[in-house]
C-alpha atoms as a PDB file:
ATOM      1  CA  MET A   1      77.078-219.479 143.208  1.00  0.00           C
ATOM      2  CA  LYS A   2      75.754-216.925 145.696  1.00  0.00           C
ATOM      3  CA  ARG A   3      72.092-217.210 146.663  1.00  0.00           C
ATOM      4  CA  LEU A   4      69.681-215.441 148.976  1.00  0.00           C
ATOM      5  CA  MET A   5      68.790-218.357 151.222  1.00  0.00           C
ATOM      6  CA  ASN A   6      69.129-219.681 154.750  1.00  0.00           C
ATOM      7  CA  ALA A   7      69.479-223.376 153.945  1.00  0.00           C
ATOM      8  CA  VAL A   8      68.883-225.593 150.933  1.00  0.00           C
ATOM      9  CA  ASP A   9      66.428-227.731 152.901  1.00  0.00           C
ATOM     10  CA  THR A  10      64.167-224.798 153.803  1.00  0.00           C
ATOM     11  CA  LEU A  11      64.437-222.798 150.573  1.00  0.00           C
ATOM     12  CA  LEU A  12      61.124-223.922 149.040  1.00  0.00           C
ATOM     13  CA  ASP A  13      59.118-223.758 152.281  1.00  0.00           C
ATOM     14  CA  GLU A  14      60.305-220.246 153.088  1.00  0.00           C
ATOM     15  CA  SER A  15      59.637-219.085 149.538  1.00  0.00           C
ATOM     16  CA  LEU A  16      56.087-220.465 149.674  1.00  0.00           C
ATOM     17  CA  ASP A  17      55.495-218.736 153.005  1.00  0.00           C
ATOM     18  CA  GLY A  18      56.614-215.461 151.459  1.00  0.00           C
ATOM     19  CA  LEU A  19      54.379-215.952 148.417  1.00  0.00           C
ATOM     20  CA  ALA A  20      51.346-216.651 150.598  1.00  0.00           C
ATOM     21  CA  ALA A  21      52.028-213.638 152.815  1.00  0.00           C
ATOM     22  CA  ALA A  22      52.583-211.262 149.895  1.00  0.00           C
ATOM     23  CA  HIS A  23      49.390-212.369 148.122  1.00  0.00           C
ATOM     24  CA  ALA A  24      47.176-213.269 151.053  1.00  0.00           C
ATOM     25  CA  ASP A  25      44.228-211.558 149.369  1.00  0.00           C
ATOM     26  CA  ILE A  26      44.107-214.155 146.577  1.00  0.00           C
ATOM     27  CA  LEU A  27      45.781-217.368 147.761  1.00  0.00           C
ATOM     28  CA  GLU A  28      46.710-219.493 150.744  1.00  0.00           C
ATOM     29  CA  LEU A  29      48.846-222.529 151.540  1.00  0.00           C
ATOM     30  CA  GLY A  30      47.429-225.976 152.077  1.00  0.00           C
ATOM     31  CA  ALA A  31      48.329-228.096 155.082  1.00  0.00           C
ATOM     32  CA  GLU A  32      52.060-228.945 155.254  1.00  0.00           C
ATOM     33  CA  ARG A  33      52.538-226.670 152.200  1.00  0.00           C
ATOM     34  CA  LYS A  34      51.390-229.493 149.942  1.00  0.00           C
ATOM     35  CA  PHE A  35      49.714-227.022 147.590  1.00  0.00           C
ATOM     36  CA  VAL A  36      48.860-223.385 146.983  1.00  0.00           C
ATOM     37  CA  ARG A  37      45.145-222.708 146.477  1.00  0.00           C
ATOM     38  CA  ARG A  38      42.789-219.886 145.669  1.00  0.00           C
ATOM     39  CA  LYS A  39      41.546-218.183 148.798  1.00  0.00           C
ATOM     40  CA  VAL A  40      37.947-218.016 147.525  1.00  0.00           C
ATOM     41  CA  LEU A  41      36.487-220.855 145.468  1.00  0.00           C
ATOM     42  CA  THR A  42      33.497-220.615 143.122  1.00  0.00           C
ATOM     43  CA  PRO A  43      30.872-223.296 143.802  1.00  0.00           C
ATOM     44  CA  GLY A  44      29.962-225.226 140.661  1.00  0.00           C
ATOM     45  CA  LYS A  45      33.121-224.235 138.800  1.00  0.00           C
ATOM     46  CA  VAL A  46      35.484-226.873 137.461  1.00  0.00           C
ATOM     47  CA  ALA A  47      38.712-226.747 139.474  1.00  0.00           C
ATOM     48  CA  LEU A  48      41.975-226.354 137.535  1.00  0.00           C
ATOM     49  CA  ILE A  49      45.029-227.918 139.158  1.00  0.00           C
ATOM     50  CA  SER A  50      48.616-227.954 137.953  1.00  0.00           C
ATOM     51  CA  GLY A  51      52.063-228.218 139.463  1.00  0.00           C
ATOM     52  CA  GLY A  52      55.653-229.240 138.995  1.00  0.00           C
ATOM     53  CA  GLY A  53      59.101-228.825 140.412  1.00  0.00           C
ATOM     54  CA  ALA A  54      60.191-225.536 141.939  1.00  0.00           C
ATOM     55  CA  GLY A  55      62.722-223.444 140.068  1.00  0.00           C
ATOM     56  CA  HIS A  56      60.307-222.395 137.307  1.00  0.00           C
ATOM     57  CA  GLU A  57      58.677-219.538 139.209  1.00  0.00           C
ATOM     58  CA  PRO A  58      56.219-217.976 138.770  1.00  0.00           C
ATOM     59  CA  LEU A  59      54.982-221.203 137.105  1.00  0.00           C
ATOM     60  CA  HIS A  60      52.827-222.715 138.650  1.00  0.00           C
ATOM     61  CA  ALA A  61      51.976-221.212 142.040  1.00  0.00           C
ATOM     62  CA  GLY A  62      52.200-217.687 140.668  1.00  0.00           C
ATOM     63  CA  PHE A  63      49.279-218.452 138.368  1.00  0.00           C
ATOM     64  CA  VAL A  64      46.844-219.440 141.115  1.00  0.00           C
ATOM     65  CA  GLY A  65      43.912-217.040 141.279  1.00  0.00           C
ATOM     66  CA  ALA A  66      40.828-215.779 139.495  1.00  0.00           C
ATOM     67  CA  GLY A  67      40.952-216.572 135.787  1.00  0.00           C
ATOM     68  CA  MET A  68      43.634-219.249 136.016  1.00  0.00           C
ATOM     69  CA  LEU A  69      44.402-222.070 138.439  1.00  0.00           C
ATOM     70  CA  ASP A  70      42.520-223.102 141.558  1.00  0.00           C
ATOM     71  CA  ALA A  71      45.540-224.925 142.984  1.00  0.00           C
ATOM     72  CA  ALA A  72      49.183-225.690 142.238  1.00  0.00           C
ATOM     73  CA  CYS A  73      51.384-228.372 143.778  1.00  0.00           C
ATOM     74  CA  PRO A  74      55.070-227.442 144.167  1.00  0.00           C
ATOM     75  CA  GLY A  75      57.772-230.090 144.222  1.00  0.00           C
ATOM     76  CA  GLN A  76      61.363-229.563 145.271  1.00  0.00           C
ATOM     77  CA  VAL A  77      63.610-227.894 142.696  1.00  0.00           C
ATOM     78  CA  PHE A  78      63.194-229.637 139.323  1.00  0.00           C
ATOM     79  CA  THR A  79      61.403-232.530 141.059  1.00  0.00           C
ATOM     80  CA  SER A  80      57.794-233.542 140.501  1.00  0.00           C
ATOM     81  CA  PRO A  81      55.335-233.080 143.350  1.00  0.00           C
ATOM     82  CA  THR A  82      54.068-236.305 144.855  1.00  0.00           C
ATOM     83  CA  PRO A  83      50.649-237.904 144.269  1.00  0.00           C
ATOM     84  CA  ASP A  84      49.557-237.218 147.862  1.00  0.00           C
ATOM     85  CA  GLN A  85      50.108-233.498 147.274  1.00  0.00           C
ATOM     86  CA  MET A  86      47.894-233.631 144.193  1.00  0.00           C
ATOM     87  CA  VAL A  87      45.182-235.651 145.923  1.00  0.00           C
ATOM     88  CA  ALA A  88      45.149-233.156 148.784  1.00  0.00           C
ATOM     89  CA  ALA A  89      44.803-230.291 146.293  1.00  0.00           C
ATOM     90  CA  ILE A  90      41.959-232.028 144.460  1.00  0.00           C
ATOM     91  CA  GLU A  91      40.101-232.585 147.721  1.00  0.00           C
ATOM     92  CA  ALA A  92      40.612-228.956 148.753  1.00  0.00           C
ATOM     93  CA  VAL A  93      39.350-227.235 145.596  1.00  0.00           C
ATOM     94  CA  ASP A  94      36.800-229.626 144.052  1.00  0.00           C
ATOM     95  CA  THR A  95      33.414-227.944 144.553  1.00  0.00           C
ATOM     96  CA  GLY A  96      31.461-230.662 142.768  1.00  0.00           C
ATOM     97  CA  ALA A  97      31.951-229.850 139.074  1.00  0.00           C
ATOM     98  CA  GLY A  98      35.084-231.973 138.697  1.00  0.00           C
ATOM     99  CA  CYS A  99      38.788-231.230 138.317  1.00  0.00           C
ATOM    100  CA  LEU A 100      41.000-230.684 135.303  1.00  0.00           C
ATOM    101  CA  LEU A 101      44.681-231.533 135.754  1.00  0.00           C
ATOM    102  CA  ILE A 102      47.075-229.563 133.519  1.00  0.00           C
ATOM    103  CA  VAL A 103      50.349-231.470 133.313  1.00  0.00           C
ATOM    104  CA  LYS A 104      53.634-230.716 131.546  1.00  0.00           C
ATOM    105  CA  ASN A 105      54.950-233.680 129.549  1.00  0.00           C
ATOM    106  CA  TYR A 106      57.747-234.747 131.864  1.00  0.00           C
ATOM    107  CA  GLU A 107      57.756-238.364 132.993  1.00  0.00           C
ATOM    108  CA  GLY A 108      57.659-237.671 136.735  1.00  0.00           C
ATOM    109  CA  ASP A 109      54.840-235.146 136.432  1.00  0.00           C
ATOM    110  CA  VAL A 110      52.774-237.341 134.107  1.00  0.00           C
ATOM    111  CA  MET A 111      53.202-240.452 136.263  1.00  0.00           C
ATOM    112  CA  ASN A 112      52.391-238.742 139.564  1.00  0.00           C
ATOM    113  CA  PHE A 113      49.419-236.772 138.251  1.00  0.00           C
ATOM    114  CA  GLU A 114      48.044-239.937 136.636  1.00  0.00           C
ATOM    115  CA  MET A 115      48.320-241.775 139.917  1.00  0.00           C
ATOM    116  CA  ALA A 116      46.646-238.925 141.788  1.00  0.00           C
ATOM    117  CA  GLY A 117      43.835-238.788 139.248  1.00  0.00           C
ATOM    118  CA  GLU A 118      43.202-242.510 139.624  1.00  0.00           C
ATOM    119  CA  LEU A 119      43.076-242.183 143.412  1.00  0.00           C
ATOM    120  CA  ALA A 120      40.645-239.264 143.154  1.00  0.00           C
ATOM    121  CA  VAL A 121      38.399-241.150 140.732  1.00  0.00           C
ATOM    122  CA  ALA A 122      38.400-244.169 143.054  1.00  0.00           C
ATOM    123  CA  ASP A 123      37.206-241.782 145.760  1.00  0.00           C
ATOM    124  CA  GLY A 124      34.242-240.800 143.615  1.00  0.00           C
ATOM    125  CA  ARG A 125      35.556-237.611 142.043  1.00  0.00           C
ATOM    126  CA  THR A 126      35.489-236.689 138.354  1.00  0.00           C
ATOM    127  CA  VAL A 127      38.902-235.905 136.879  1.00  0.00           C
ATOM    128  CA  GLU A 128      40.175-235.141 133.377  1.00  0.00           C
ATOM    129  CA  THR A 129      43.719-234.355 132.207  1.00  0.00           C
ATOM    130  CA  VAL A 130      45.433-232.150 129.647  1.00  0.00           C
ATOM    131  CA  VAL A 131      49.107-232.881 128.942  1.00  0.00           C
ATOM    132  CA  THR A 132      51.081-230.027 127.377  1.00  0.00           C
ATOM    133  CA  ASN A 133      53.857-230.830 124.886  1.00  0.00           C
ATOM    134  CA  ASP A 134      54.496-227.572 123.022  1.00  0.00           C
ATOM    135  CA  ASP A 135      58.304-227.790 122.702  1.00  0.00           C
ATOM    136  CA  VAL A 136      59.338-228.414 119.075  1.00  0.00           C
ATOM    137  CA  ALA A 137      63.094-228.416 119.721  1.00  0.00           C
ATOM    138  CA  VAL A 138      63.538-232.156 120.218  1.00  0.00           C
ATOM    139  CA  PRO A 139      61.205-235.167 119.788  1.00  0.00           C
ATOM    140  CA  LYS A 140      62.152-236.477 123.232  1.00  0.00           C
ATOM    141  CA  SER A 141      64.516-235.443 126.007  1.00  0.00           C
ATOM    142  CA  THR A 142      66.222-236.589 129.168  1.00  0.00           C
ATOM    143  CA  TRP A 143      63.023-236.472 131.218  1.00  0.00           C
ATOM    144  CA  SER A 144      60.240-236.906 128.689  1.00  0.00           C
ATOM    145  CA  THR A 145      58.822-239.396 126.248  1.00  0.00           C
ATOM    146  CA  GLY A 146      57.804-237.232 123.361  1.00  0.00           C
ATOM    147  CA  ARG A 147      57.909-233.453 123.322  1.00  0.00           C
ATOM    148  CA  ARG A 148      58.399-231.480 126.506  1.00  0.00           C
ATOM    149  CA  GLY A 149      55.747-229.247 128.020  1.00  0.00           C
ATOM    150  CA  VAL A 150      57.232-225.792 128.515  1.00  0.00           C
ATOM    151  CA  ALA A 151      56.040-222.165 128.358  1.00  0.00           C
ATOM    152  CA  GLY A 152      52.960-223.049 126.325  1.00  0.00           C
ATOM    153  CA  THR A 153      51.584-224.499 129.568  1.00  0.00           C
ATOM    154  CA  LEU A 154      50.989-220.935 130.743  1.00  0.00           C
ATOM    155  CA  VAL A 155      48.879-220.229 127.649  1.00  0.00           C
ATOM    156  CA  VAL A 156      46.764-223.330 128.268  1.00  0.00           C
ATOM    157  CA  GLU A 157      46.260-222.394 131.918  1.00  0.00           C
ATOM    158  CA  LYS A 158      45.180-218.838 131.050  1.00  0.00           C
ATOM    159  CA  ILE A 159      42.757-219.661 128.243  1.00  0.00           C
ATOM    160  CA  VAL A 160      41.207-222.679 129.956  1.00  0.00           C
ATOM    161  CA  GLY A 161      41.092-220.744 133.214  1.00  0.00           C
ATOM    162  CA  ALA A 162      39.019-218.030 131.546  1.00  0.00           C
ATOM    163  CA  ALA A 163      36.571-220.592 130.192  1.00  0.00           C
ATOM    164  CA  ALA A 164      36.327-222.216 133.624  1.00  0.00           C
ATOM    165  CA  GLU A 165      35.354-218.852 135.117  1.00  0.00           C
ATOM    166  CA  GLN A 166      32.453-218.852 132.646  1.00  0.00           C
ATOM    167  CA  LEU A 167      31.387-222.201 134.179  1.00  0.00           C
ATOM    168  CA  ALA A 168      32.161-224.308 131.117  1.00  0.00           C
ATOM    169  CA  PRO A 169      31.781-228.031 131.881  1.00  0.00           C
ATOM    170  CA  LEU A 170      34.705-230.344 132.518  1.00  0.00           C
ATOM    171  CA  GLU A 171      34.779-232.163 129.178  1.00  0.00           C
ATOM    172  CA  ALA A 172      34.568-228.882 127.259  1.00  0.00           C
ATOM    173  CA  LEU A 173      37.507-227.508 129.257  1.00  0.00           C
ATOM    174  CA  ARG A 174      39.508-230.672 128.611  1.00  0.00           C
ATOM    175  CA  ASP A 175      38.863-230.374 124.882  1.00  0.00           C
ATOM    176  CA  LEU A 176      39.702-226.658 124.922  1.00  0.00           C
ATOM    177  CA  GLY A 177      42.984-227.329 126.727  1.00  0.00           C
ATOM    178  CA  ARG A 178      43.973-229.937 124.188  1.00  0.00           C
ATOM    179  CA  GLU A 179      43.023-227.597 121.338  1.00  0.00           C
ATOM    180  CA  VAL A 180      45.134-224.751 122.748  1.00  0.00           C
ATOM    181  CA  ASN A 181      48.053-227.149 123.198  1.00  0.00           C
ATOM    182  CA  GLU A 182      47.721-228.220 119.552  1.00  0.00           C
ATOM    183  CA  ARG A 183      47.748-224.575 118.472  1.00  0.00           C
ATOM    184  CA  THR A 184      50.878-223.781 120.504  1.00  0.00           C
ATOM    185  CA  ARG A 185      54.582-224.296 119.785  1.00  0.00           C
ATOM    186  CA  SER A 186      57.705-223.264 121.747  1.00  0.00           C
ATOM    187  CA  PHE A 187      61.472-223.255 121.317  1.00  0.00           C
ATOM    188  CA  GLY A 188      64.201-222.222 123.797  1.00  0.00           C
ATOM    189  CA  VAL A 189      67.837-221.149 123.660  1.00  0.00           C
ATOM    190  CA  ALA A 190      70.178-220.976 126.664  1.00  0.00           C
ATOM    191  CA  LEU A 191      73.136-218.607 126.915  1.00  0.00           C
ATOM    192  CA  THR A 192      74.277-219.847 130.347  1.00  0.00           C
ATOM    193  CA  PRO A 193      73.472-222.915 132.449  1.00  0.00           C
ATOM    194  CA  CYS A 194      71.452-222.857 135.663  1.00  0.00           C
ATOM    195  CA  THR A 195      72.675-223.933 139.097  1.00  0.00           C
ATOM    196  CA  VAL A 196      70.469-226.153 141.272  1.00  0.00           C
ATOM    197  CA  PRO A 197      70.886-225.026 144.921  1.00  0.00           C
ATOM    198  CA  ALA A 198      71.364-228.547 146.277  1.00  0.00           C
ATOM    199  CA  ALA A 199      74.071-229.307 143.717  1.00  0.00           C
ATOM    200  CA  GLY A 200      75.865-225.972 143.923  1.00  0.00           C
ATOM    201  CA  LYS A 201      77.283-226.300 140.424  1.00  0.00           C
ATOM    202  CA  PRO A 202      75.967-225.634 136.910  1.00  0.00           C
ATOM    203  CA  THR A 203      73.799-228.288 135.291  1.00  0.00           C
ATOM    204  CA  PHE A 204      75.917-228.105 132.131  1.00  0.00           C
ATOM    205  CA  THR A 205      78.858-226.131 130.772  1.00  0.00           C
ATOM    206  CA  LEU A 206      78.925-223.565 127.998  1.00  0.00           C
ATOM    207  CA  ALA A 207      81.965-221.711 126.716  1.00  0.00           C
ATOM    208  CA  PRO A 208      81.676-217.899 126.717  1.00  0.00           C
ATOM    209  CA  ASP A 209      80.958-217.908 122.978  1.00  0.00           C
ATOM    210  CA  GLU A 210      78.510-220.864 122.957  1.00  0.00           C
ATOM    211  CA  MET A 211      74.755-221.316 123.269  1.00  0.00           C
ATOM    212  CA  GLU A 212      72.525-224.369 123.700  1.00  0.00           C
ATOM    213  CA  VAL A 213      69.912-224.413 120.931  1.00  0.00           C
ATOM    214  CA  GLY A 214      66.634-226.073 121.894  1.00  0.00           C
ATOM    215  CA  VAL A 215      67.282-226.266 125.638  1.00  0.00           C
ATOM    216  CA  GLY A 216      64.613-227.498 128.072  1.00  0.00           C
ATOM    217  CA  ILE A 217      63.467-225.724 131.228  1.00  0.00           C
ATOM    218  CA  HIS A 218      65.657-227.925 133.444  1.00  0.00           C
ATOM    219  CA  GLY A 219      68.764-227.309 131.376  1.00  0.00           C
ATOM    220  CA  GLU A 220      68.294-230.499 129.355  1.00  0.00           C
ATOM    221  CA  PRO A 221      70.265-230.641 126.102  1.00  0.00           C
ATOM    222  CA  GLY A 222      68.702-229.256 122.964  1.00  0.00           C
ATOM    223  CA  ARG A 223      69.262-229.836 119.272  1.00  0.00           C
ATOM    224  CA  ARG A 224      72.903-228.831 119.347  1.00  0.00           C
ATOM    225  CA  ARG A 225      75.496-226.580 120.882  1.00  0.00           C
ATOM    226  CA  SER A 226      76.698-223.791 118.623  1.00  0.00           C
ATOM    227  CA  LYS A 227      78.515-220.480 118.555  1.00  0.00           C
ATOM    228  CA  LEU A 228      76.594-217.492 119.892  1.00  0.00           C
ATOM    229  CA  ALA A 229      74.738-215.731 117.079  1.00  0.00           C
ATOM    230  CA  SER A 230      72.954-212.402 116.739  1.00  0.00           C
ATOM    231  CA  ALA A 231      69.498-211.968 118.259  1.00  0.00           C
ATOM    232  CA  ASP A 232      67.953-211.808 114.784  1.00  0.00           C
ATOM    233  CA  ALA A 233      69.612-215.066 113.756  1.00  0.00           C
ATOM    234  CA  ILE A 234      68.548-216.793 116.991  1.00  0.00           C
ATOM    235  CA  ALA A 235      64.953-215.605 116.618  1.00  0.00           C
ATOM    236  CA  ASP A 236      64.915-216.699 112.970  1.00  0.00           C
ATOM    237  CA  GLU A 237      65.970-220.250 113.832  1.00  0.00           C
ATOM    238  CA  MET A 238      63.532-220.494 116.753  1.00  0.00           C
ATOM    239  CA  LEU A 239      60.579-219.208 114.773  1.00  0.00           C
ATOM    240  CA  GLY A 240      61.517-221.245 111.719  1.00  0.00           C
ATOM    241  CA  ALA A 241      61.151-224.436 113.767  1.00  0.00           C
ATOM    242  CA  ILE A 242      57.975-223.186 115.460  1.00  0.00           C
ATOM    243  CA  LEU A 243      56.174-222.041 112.318  1.00  0.00           C
ATOM    244  CA  ASP A 244      57.192-225.007 110.180  1.00  0.00           C
ATOM    245  CA  ASP A 245      55.702-227.321 112.785  1.00  0.00           C
ATOM    246  CA  LEU A 246      52.645-225.189 113.550  1.00  0.00           C
ATOM    247  CA  ALA A 247      51.772-224.862 109.855  1.00  0.00           C
ATOM    248  CA  ALA A 248      49.220-222.098 110.459  1.00  0.00           C
ATOM    249  CA  PRO A 249      47.572-220.643 107.340  1.00  0.00           C
ATOM    250  CA  ALA A 250      48.913-217.379 105.933  1.00  0.00           C
ATOM    251  CA  GLY A 251      47.100-214.430 107.434  1.00  0.00           C
ATOM    252  CA  SER A 252      46.702-216.100 110.829  1.00  0.00           C
ATOM    253  CA  GLN A 253      46.704-214.092 114.027  1.00  0.00           C
ATOM    254  CA  CYS A 254      48.731-215.259 116.980  1.00  0.00           C
ATOM    255  CA  LEU A 255      49.851-214.715 120.528  1.00  0.00           C
ATOM    256  CA  LEU A 256      53.599-214.097 120.856  1.00  0.00           C
ATOM    257  CA  LEU A 257      55.088-215.043 124.223  1.00  0.00           C
ATOM    258  CA  VAL A 258      58.758-214.211 124.744  1.00  0.00           C
ATOM    259  CA  ASN A 259      59.758-215.847 128.008  1.00  0.00           C
ATOM    260  CA  GLY A 260      62.948-215.309 129.977  1.00  0.00           C
ATOM    261  CA  PHE A 261      64.612-218.219 131.763  1.00  0.00           C
ATOM    262  CA  GLY A 262      65.427-216.230 134.896  1.00  0.00           C
ATOM    263  CA  GLY A 263      68.745-214.581 134.081  1.00  0.00           C
ATOM    264  CA  THR A 264      67.860-212.417 131.072  1.00  0.00           C
ATOM    265  CA  PRO A 265      67.119-208.664 131.355  1.00  0.00           C
ATOM    266  CA  LEU A 266      63.816-207.350 130.046  1.00  0.00           C
ATOM    267  CA  MET A 267      65.720-205.115 127.633  1.00  0.00           C
ATOM    268  CA  GLU A 268      66.953-208.236 125.823  1.00  0.00           C
ATOM    269  CA  LEU A 269      63.550-209.927 125.949  1.00  0.00           C
ATOM    270  CA  TYR A 270      61.858-206.944 124.304  1.00  0.00           C
ATOM    271  CA  LEU A 271      64.600-206.900 121.685  1.00  0.00           C
ATOM    272  CA  MET A 272      63.628-210.507 120.935  1.00  0.00           C
ATOM    273  CA  VAL A 273      59.979-209.453 120.733  1.00  0.00           C
ATOM    274  CA  ASN A 274      60.933-206.923 118.089  1.00  0.00           C
ATOM    275  CA  ALA A 275      62.917-209.494 116.103  1.00  0.00           C
ATOM    276  CA  ALA A 276      60.143-212.092 116.397  1.00  0.00           C
ATOM    277  CA  ARG A 277      57.310-209.840 115.255  1.00  0.00           C
ATOM    278  CA  ARG A 278      59.229-208.936 112.097  1.00  0.00           C
ATOM    279  CA  ILE A 279      59.878-212.585 111.323  1.00  0.00           C
ATOM    280  CA  LEU A 280      56.233-213.479 111.951  1.00  0.00           C
ATOM    281  CA  ALA A 281      55.109-210.751 109.572  1.00  0.00           C
ATOM    282  CA  GLY A 282      57.488-212.080 106.929  1.00  0.00           C
ATOM    283  CA  ARG A 283      55.868-215.503 107.306  1.00  0.00           C
ATOM    284  CA  GLY A 284      52.353-214.102 106.898  1.00  0.00           C
ATOM    285  CA  MET A 285      51.351-214.098 110.578  1.00  0.00           C
ATOM    286  CA  THR A 286      50.325-211.141 112.737  1.00  0.00           C
ATOM    287  CA  ALA A 287      50.981-211.033 116.463  1.00  0.00           C
ATOM    288  CA  THR A 288      47.816-209.481 117.881  1.00  0.00           C
ATOM    289  CA  ARG A 289      48.559-210.380 121.502  1.00  0.00           C
ATOM    290  CA  TYR A 290      51.874-210.234 123.349  1.00  0.00           C
ATOM    291  CA  LEU A 291      53.226-211.417 126.670  1.00  0.00           C
ATOM    292  CA  THR A 292      56.827-210.739 127.698  1.00  0.00           C
ATOM    293  CA  GLY A 293      58.717-211.577 130.885  1.00  0.00           C
ATOM    294  CA  SER A 294      60.381-214.271 132.957  1.00  0.00           C
ATOM    295  CA  LEU A 295      57.314-216.431 133.541  1.00  0.00           C
ATOM    296  CA  VAL A 296      58.445-220.053 133.023  1.00  0.00           C
ATOM    297  CA  THR A 297      61.997-219.947 134.299  1.00  0.00           C
ATOM    298  CA  SER A 298      64.910-222.256 134.941  1.00  0.00           C
ATOM    299  CA  LEU A 299      66.350-220.747 138.117  1.00  0.00           C
ATOM    300  CA  ASP A 300      69.145-218.375 137.021  1.00  0.00           C
ATOM    301  CA  MET A 301      69.643-219.574 133.438  1.00  0.00           C
ATOM    302  CA  ALA A 302      70.162-216.855 130.839  1.00  0.00           C
ATOM    303  CA  GLY A 303      68.357-217.182 127.538  1.00  0.00           C
ATOM    304  CA  CYS A 304      64.748-217.242 126.434  1.00  0.00           C
ATOM    305  CA  SER A 305      62.022-219.198 124.767  1.00  0.00           C
ATOM    306  CA  ILE A 306      59.559-218.090 122.136  1.00  0.00           C
ATOM    307  CA  THR A 307      56.002-219.422 122.125  1.00  0.00           C
ATOM    308  CA  VAL A 308      53.459-218.886 119.360  1.00  0.00           C
ATOM    309  CA  THR A 309      49.771-219.730 119.735  1.00  0.00           C
ATOM    310  CA  ALA A 310      47.518-219.532 116.669  1.00  0.00           C
ATOM    311  CA  LEU A 311      44.445-217.552 117.733  1.00  0.00           C
ATOM    312  CA  ASP A 312      40.852-217.325 116.602  1.00  0.00           C
ATOM    313  CA  GLU A 313      38.148-214.973 117.892  1.00  0.00           C
ATOM    314  CA  ARG A 314      37.109-217.260 120.741  1.00  0.00           C
ATOM    315  CA  LEU A 315      40.632-217.900 121.990  1.00  0.00           C
ATOM    316  CA  THR A 316      41.435-214.193 121.774  1.00  0.00           C
ATOM    317  CA  ARG A 317      38.405-213.347 123.918  1.00  0.00           C
ATOM    318  CA  LEU A 318      39.415-215.946 126.483  1.00  0.00           C
ATOM    319  CA  TRP A 319      42.997-214.665 126.531  1.00  0.00           C
ATOM    320  CA  ASP A 320      41.718-211.118 127.079  1.00  0.00           C
ATOM    321  CA  ALA A 321      39.365-212.158 129.899  1.00  0.00           C
ATOM    322  CA  PRO A 322      40.210-210.794 133.365  1.00  0.00           C
ATOM    323  CA  VAL A 323      42.824-212.551 135.449  1.00  0.00           C
ATOM    324  CA  LYS A 324      44.186-211.837 138.925  1.00  0.00           C
ATOM    325  CA  THR A 325      47.123-213.927 140.091  1.00  0.00           C
ATOM    326  CA  ALA A 326      50.443-213.150 141.730  1.00  0.00           C
ATOM    327  CA  ALA A 327      52.218-213.144 138.346  1.00  0.00           C
ATOM    328  CA  LEU A 328      49.529-212.171 135.819  1.00  0.00           C
ATOM    329  CA  SER A 329      46.831-209.566 136.328  1.00  0.00           C
ATOM    330  CA  TRP A 330      44.678-207.595 133.923  1.00  0.00           C
END
């Protein structure tokens, strides 16, 4: 596998340096690159902190900025950041209103963020946590107890980030994050595996005519391996699982996020948008908000996930609220 890199050991550090240089107007690196933080903090605002292994870019560092995260802690590829990174981030961005940790439901992330939160509380800080578990593909996976947290994490970060900008208090933001998570479901399909730079070989093997149905964002196995189907058939299975589990009332409005895993052209992602909106309409739901792109990736894996969030007027307003980050801006 050919890659644009100098050395495996310096890949993450050099990427973070490039991110900080390219977006120096909105973010900066913490000491020893332990975290990425907003350049300008708002006194009295609850600080939102997330993080996870590299390889999912732009999640999470690409969502640091006004209207979303105050800090993100990057781990090595597909490896959780360490508690000391998270504690350092908390100390750097807590302006006195407390911190909300937004954590994907993977065992390493949950354990390390929990430890960091306990250390911060022992130091006199106020910390709450939202754990995202939007993936309906499998009840548990290689790295998680219970459902995985995947692309729906982005939706939580955006909506809660908007409310934080309005100076909502910590407990209200925690409750909002948990509500958005409950209203959100995701499902992914991989067409090719990904290759971790340190390993230099694919994380799994697929025949040219196969796909992995229900894959995770680290290439974890899904529900089954099957023959490649048409885009309409793939979208129908994904949305069938999502909507059956979401059980939103007929006539509901929703956000439709079609997310590429890193190796899928936008032309194919928009084709999936078109298939998904037709299926949603047939199930009595209307997509009133859309987001399309490779936003929660798995290195170079081809394929996509679909995320549906049931909206109401308040959540729609918060989704529409201004945001300025490296990866999302409106």
